[in-house]
Amino acid sequence: MKRWQLQEAKNRLSALVREAQRAGPQVITVHGRDAAVVVSREEFERTRHPKGALKEFFRRSPLRGVRLDLERSRETGRKVDL
């Protein structure tokens, strides 16, 4: 992913959008920190409407059938002197 400083992104918005369409998500930084991501409409729609139901996702999981220890600890935490 290419990173664009905010000022550069504002000045070259058309290029930023074309690059998101061509090469994928583009990161915009503010003061050197990631602040936003520009994605193509196609990418946005794909992530906004995932394929299939959640139960189907779990059915296809490679972890299906793994036994998990889901018992909750009965510890109350550390003792506090009042």
Protein backbone atom coordinates (compact mmCIF):
# COMPACT_ATOMS: atom_id res chain seq x y z
CA MET A 1 0.00 0.00 0.00
CA LYS A 2 1.30 3.41 -0.90
CA ARG A 3 1.23 6.12 1.75
CA TRP A 4 0.22 9.67 0.86
CA GLN A 5 0.75 12.68 3.11
CA LEU A 6 -2.53 14.54 3.53
CA GLN A 7 -1.37 17.60 1.58
CA GLU A 8 -0.17 15.43 -1.31
CA ALA A 9 -3.47 13.50 -1.26
CA LYS A 10 -5.43 16.76 -1.48
CA ASN A 11 -3.26 18.10 -4.29
CA ARG A 12 -3.33 14.85 -6.28
CA LEU A 13 -6.78 13.47 -5.48
CA SER A 14 -7.40 12.21 -9.02
CA ALA A 15 -4.11 10.28 -9.01
CA LEU A 16 -4.89 8.90 -5.55
CA VAL A 17 -8.28 7.58 -6.73
CA ARG A 18 -6.80 6.07 -9.90
CA GLU A 19 -4.10 4.35 -7.86
CA ALA A 20 -6.72 2.91 -5.46
CA GLN A 21 -8.58 1.51 -8.47
CA ARG A 22 -5.44 0.15 -10.10
CA ALA A 23 -3.26 -1.02 -7.22
CA GLY A 24 -5.52 -1.38 -4.20
CA PRO A 25 -5.93 0.50 -0.91
CA GLN A 26 -4.01 3.76 -0.44
CA VAL A 27 -3.14 5.09 3.01
CA ILE A 28 -3.37 8.79 3.87
CA THR A 29 -1.17 9.97 6.74
CA VAL A 30 -1.52 12.97 9.01
CA HIS A 31 1.62 14.04 10.90
CA GLY A 32 3.27 10.76 9.90
CA ARG A 33 0.51 8.54 11.31
CA ASP A 34 -1.97 6.49 9.30
CA ALA A 35 -5.28 8.35 9.33
CA ALA A 36 -7.45 7.02 6.50
CA VAL A 37 -7.55 4.51 3.68
CA VAL A 38 -8.92 5.12 0.19
CA VAL A 39 -10.24 2.03 -1.58
CA SER A 40 -11.95 1.49 -4.91
CA ARG A 41 -15.73 1.19 -4.99
CA GLU A 42 -15.33 -2.48 -5.94
CA GLU A 43 -13.14 -3.18 -2.89
CA PHE A 44 -15.54 -1.28 -0.64
CA GLU A 45 -18.55 -3.28 -1.85
CA ARG A 46 -16.68 -6.58 -1.49
CA THR A 47 -15.81 -5.89 2.15
CA ARG A 48 -19.15 -4.28 2.94
CA HIS A 49 -21.17 -7.29 1.81
CA PRO A 50 -19.23 -10.41 2.72
CA LYS A 51 -20.19 -13.59 0.93
CA GLY A 52 -22.17 -16.18 2.87
CA ALA A 53 -23.59 -16.41 6.34
CA LEU A 54 -21.53 -16.45 9.52
CA LYS A 55 -22.49 -20.05 10.22
CA GLU A 56 -21.10 -21.05 6.81
CA PHE A 57 -17.84 -19.28 7.63
CA PHE A 58 -17.51 -21.36 10.80
CA ARG A 59 -18.46 -24.57 8.99
CA ARG A 60 -15.63 -24.02 6.49
CA SER A 61 -13.10 -23.13 9.19
CA PRO A 62 -9.98 -25.29 9.36
CA LEU A 63 -10.47 -25.19 13.14
CA ARG A 64 -13.81 -26.96 12.93
CA GLY A 65 -13.89 -29.80 15.42
CA VAL A 66 -11.12 -28.40 17.63
CA ARG A 67 -12.01 -28.79 21.30
CA LEU A 68 -11.77 -25.50 23.18
CA ASP A 69 -11.55 -25.13 26.95
CA LEU A 70 -14.25 -22.54 27.56
CA GLU A 71 -14.47 -22.99 31.32
CA ARG A 72 -14.31 -19.67 33.12
CA SER A 73 -11.88 -19.18 35.97
CA ARG A 74 -13.61 -18.82 39.36
CA GLU A 75 -10.74 -16.74 40.76
CA THR A 76 -11.88 -13.43 42.18
CA GLY A 77 -8.58 -11.69 41.60
CA ARG A 78 -6.05 -10.42 44.09
CA LYS A 79 -6.80 -9.86 47.73
CA VAL A 80 -7.08 -6.20 48.67
CA ASP A 81 -6.51 -4.96 52.24
CA LEU A 82 -8.94 -2.24 53.26
